[in-house]
C-alpha atoms as a PDB file:
ATOM      1  CA  MET A   1      52.278 -54.849 -24.794  1.00  0.00           C
ATOM      2  CA  ARG A   2      52.793 -53.230 -21.395  1.00  0.00           C
ATOM      3  CA  ARG A   3      52.455 -49.616 -23.084  1.00  0.00           C
ATOM      4  CA  LEU A   4      49.135 -50.917 -24.604  1.00  0.00           C
ATOM      5  CA  LEU A   5      47.802 -51.873 -21.198  1.00  0.00           C
ATOM      6  CA  LEU A   6      49.021 -48.709 -19.629  1.00  0.00           C
ATOM      7  CA  LEU A   7      47.302 -46.726 -22.582  1.00  0.00           C
ATOM      8  CA  CYS A   8      44.128 -48.739 -22.213  1.00  0.00           C
ATOM      9  CA  ALA A   9      43.979 -48.200 -18.322  1.00  0.00           C
ATOM     10  CA  LEU A  10      44.550 -44.316 -18.921  1.00  0.00           C
ATOM     11  CA  LEU A  11      41.892 -44.039 -21.409  1.00  0.00           C
ATOM     12  CA  LEU A  12      39.576 -46.075 -19.200  1.00  0.00           C
ATOM     13  CA  SER A  13      40.275 -43.983 -16.424  1.00  0.00           C
ATOM     14  CA  LEU A  14      39.747 -40.655 -18.429  1.00  0.00           C
ATOM     15  CA  PHE A  15      36.517 -42.146 -19.784  1.00  0.00           C
ATOM     16  CA  LEU A  16      34.942 -43.272 -16.302  1.00  0.00           C
ATOM     17  CA  SER A  17      35.925 -39.834 -14.697  1.00  0.00           C
ATOM     18  CA  GLY A  18      33.875 -38.249 -17.407  1.00  0.00           C
ATOM     19  CA  CYS A  19      30.729 -40.516 -16.218  1.00  0.00           C
ATOM     20  CA  SER A  20      29.231 -39.208 -13.257  1.00  0.00           C
ATOM     21  CA  SER A  21      25.793 -38.862 -11.897  1.00  0.00           C
ATOM     22  CA  LYS A  22      24.472 -35.741 -10.427  1.00  0.00           C
ATOM     23  CA  GLU A  23      22.392 -36.218  -7.445  1.00  0.00           C
ATOM     24  CA  GLU A  24      19.618 -33.444  -7.597  1.00  0.00           C
ATOM     25  CA  GLY A  25      18.320 -32.890  -4.288  1.00  0.00           C
ATOM     26  CA  PRO A  26      15.165 -30.996  -3.408  1.00  0.00           C
ATOM     27  CA  LYS A  27      15.159 -27.440  -5.036  1.00  0.00           C
ATOM     28  CA  PRO A  28      15.339 -24.639  -2.667  1.00  0.00           C
ATOM     29  CA  ILE A  29      12.089 -22.808  -2.021  1.00  0.00           C
ATOM     30  CA  GLU A  30      11.832 -19.542  -3.729  1.00  0.00           C
ATOM     31  CA  LYS A  31      11.152 -16.642  -1.257  1.00  0.00           C
ATOM     32  CA  SER A  32       9.717 -13.401  -1.510  1.00  0.00           C
ATOM     33  CA  TYR A  33       9.288 -10.672   1.115  1.00  0.00           C
ATOM     34  CA  PHE A  34       6.885  -7.845   2.160  1.00  0.00           C
ATOM     35  CA  TYR A  35       6.457  -5.475   4.776  1.00  0.00           C
ATOM     36  CA  PHE A  36       3.654  -2.969   6.010  1.00  0.00           C
ATOM     37  CA  SER A  37       3.495   0.694   6.240  1.00  0.00           C
ATOM     38  CA  GLY A  38       0.907   2.975   7.458  1.00  0.00           C
ATOM     39  CA  LYS A  39      -1.656   2.393  10.419  1.00  0.00           C
ATOM     40  CA  ALA A  40      -0.955  -1.040  11.976  1.00  0.00           C
ATOM     41  CA  LYS A  41      -2.721  -0.444  15.206  1.00  0.00           C
ATOM     42  CA  ASP A  42      -5.092  -3.435  15.950  1.00  0.00           C
ATOM     43  CA  VAL A  43      -4.422  -5.082  12.467  1.00  0.00           C
ATOM     44  CA  LYS A  44      -3.952  -8.790  12.112  1.00  0.00           C
ATOM     45  CA  ILE A  45      -3.418 -10.702   9.012  1.00  0.00           C
ATOM     46  CA  SER A  46      -4.219 -14.068   7.617  1.00  0.00           C
ATOM     47  CA  ILE A  47      -2.265 -15.681   4.725  1.00  0.00           C
ATOM     48  CA  ASP A  48      -4.031 -18.510   2.678  1.00  0.00           C
ATOM     49  CA  ASN A  49      -6.612 -18.979   5.467  1.00  0.00           C
ATOM     50  CA  GLY A  50      -4.017 -19.376   7.963  1.00  0.00           C
ATOM     51  CA  VAL A  51      -3.751 -18.303  11.497  1.00  0.00           C
ATOM     52  CA  LYS A  52      -4.265 -14.485  12.086  1.00  0.00           C
ATOM     53  CA  PHE A  53      -1.195 -12.694  13.513  1.00  0.00           C
ATOM     54  CA  GLY A  54      -0.421  -9.205  14.425  1.00  0.00           C
ATOM     55  CA  VAL A  55       1.958  -6.950  12.341  1.00  0.00           C
ATOM     56  CA  ILE A  56       4.371  -4.070  12.691  1.00  0.00           C
ATOM     57  CA  ALA A  57       4.240  -1.311  10.175  1.00  0.00           C
ATOM     58  CA  SER A  58       8.015  -0.756   9.551  1.00  0.00           C
ATOM     59  CA  LYS A  59      10.514  -1.424   6.724  1.00  0.00           C
ATOM     60  CA  LYS A  60      12.666  -2.840   9.440  1.00  0.00           C
ATOM     61  CA  SER A  61       9.951  -5.719  10.080  1.00  0.00           C
ATOM     62  CA  VAL A  62      10.072  -7.559   6.830  1.00  0.00           C
ATOM     63  CA  TYR A  63       8.086 -10.788   6.454  1.00  0.00           C
ATOM     64  CA  SER A  64       9.132 -13.757   4.065  1.00  0.00           C
ATOM     65  CA  ILE A  65       6.762 -15.802   2.063  1.00  0.00           C
ATOM     66  CA  ASP A  66       7.137 -18.507  -0.552  1.00  0.00           C
ATOM     67  CA  ALA A  67       7.074 -16.833  -3.925  1.00  0.00           C
ATOM     68  CA  GLY A  68       3.589 -17.105  -6.041  1.00  0.00           C
ATOM     69  CA  GLU A  69       0.192 -16.199  -5.504  1.00  0.00           C
ATOM     70  CA  HIS A  70      -1.279 -15.961  -2.033  1.00  0.00           C
ATOM     71  CA  VAL A  71      -4.546 -14.816  -0.665  1.00  0.00           C
ATOM     72  CA  MET A  72      -4.065 -12.162   2.158  1.00  0.00           C
ATOM     73  CA  GLU A  73      -6.745 -11.077   4.524  1.00  0.00           C
ATOM     74  CA  ILE A  74      -6.294  -8.016   6.547  1.00  0.00           C
ATOM     75  CA  TYR A  75      -8.360  -7.419   9.734  1.00  0.00           C
ATOM     76  CA  ARG A  76      -8.615  -4.315  12.041  1.00  0.00           C
ATOM     77  CA  ASN A  77     -10.385  -4.827  15.297  1.00  0.00           C
ATOM     78  CA  ASN A  78     -11.550  -8.269  14.109  1.00  0.00           C
ATOM     79  CA  GLN A  79     -13.421  -6.912  10.814  1.00  0.00           C
ATOM     80  CA  MET A  80     -11.932  -7.857   7.485  1.00  0.00           C
ATOM     81  CA  ILE A  81     -10.785  -4.478   5.858  1.00  0.00           C
ATOM     82  CA  LEU A  82      -9.183  -6.049   2.862  1.00  0.00           C
ATOM     83  CA  LYS A  83      -9.109  -9.569   1.066  1.00  0.00           C
ATOM     84  CA  TYR A  84      -6.812  -9.500  -1.770  1.00  0.00           C
ATOM     85  CA  GLU A  85      -4.806 -12.085  -3.954  1.00  0.00           C
ATOM     86  CA  PHE A  86      -1.043 -10.927  -4.066  1.00  0.00           C
ATOM     87  CA  VAL A  87       1.596 -12.231  -6.454  1.00  0.00           C
ATOM     88  CA  PHE A  88       4.875 -12.334  -4.730  1.00  0.00           C
ATOM     89  CA  GLU A  89       7.902 -12.647  -6.881  1.00  0.00           C
ATOM     90  CA  LYS A  90      11.018 -14.347  -6.104  1.00  0.00           C
ATOM     91  CA  ASP A  91      13.675 -12.246  -4.302  1.00  0.00           C
ATOM     92  CA  LYS A  92      11.310  -9.086  -4.504  1.00  0.00           C
ATOM     93  CA  VAL A  93      10.362  -6.959  -1.660  1.00  0.00           C
ATOM     94  CA  LYS A  94       6.700  -5.774  -1.583  1.00  0.00           C
ATOM     95  CA  GLU A  95       5.024  -2.817   0.477  1.00  0.00           C
ATOM     96  CA  ILE A  96       1.573  -3.105   1.743  1.00  0.00           C
ATOM     97  CA  VAL A  97      -0.032   0.113   2.681  1.00  0.00           C
ATOM     98  CA  LEU A  98      -2.448   0.047   5.690  1.00  0.00           C
ATOM     99  CA  GLN A  99      -4.838   2.896   5.859  1.00  0.00           C
END
């Protein structure tokens, strides 16, 4: 009888150890990256109608963005020179050439 109880307790503990719930938290945001090359003097950009900001044209100045589609407006001397919908892929780096 004692052996039967020990065997049942062992089987029950093995069964319960296999039953676990996985808590899935929020998925990490997938990021993409871009940088500018070319003539960046007096250039500002706006992404998805956000606030304009100045940029530096260099491979060392890499900007991060959520992966997916984004509309980028590029201004030089406060005049829009380009409005384009870019598709940024996860973990990829995109070069944007300013002329």
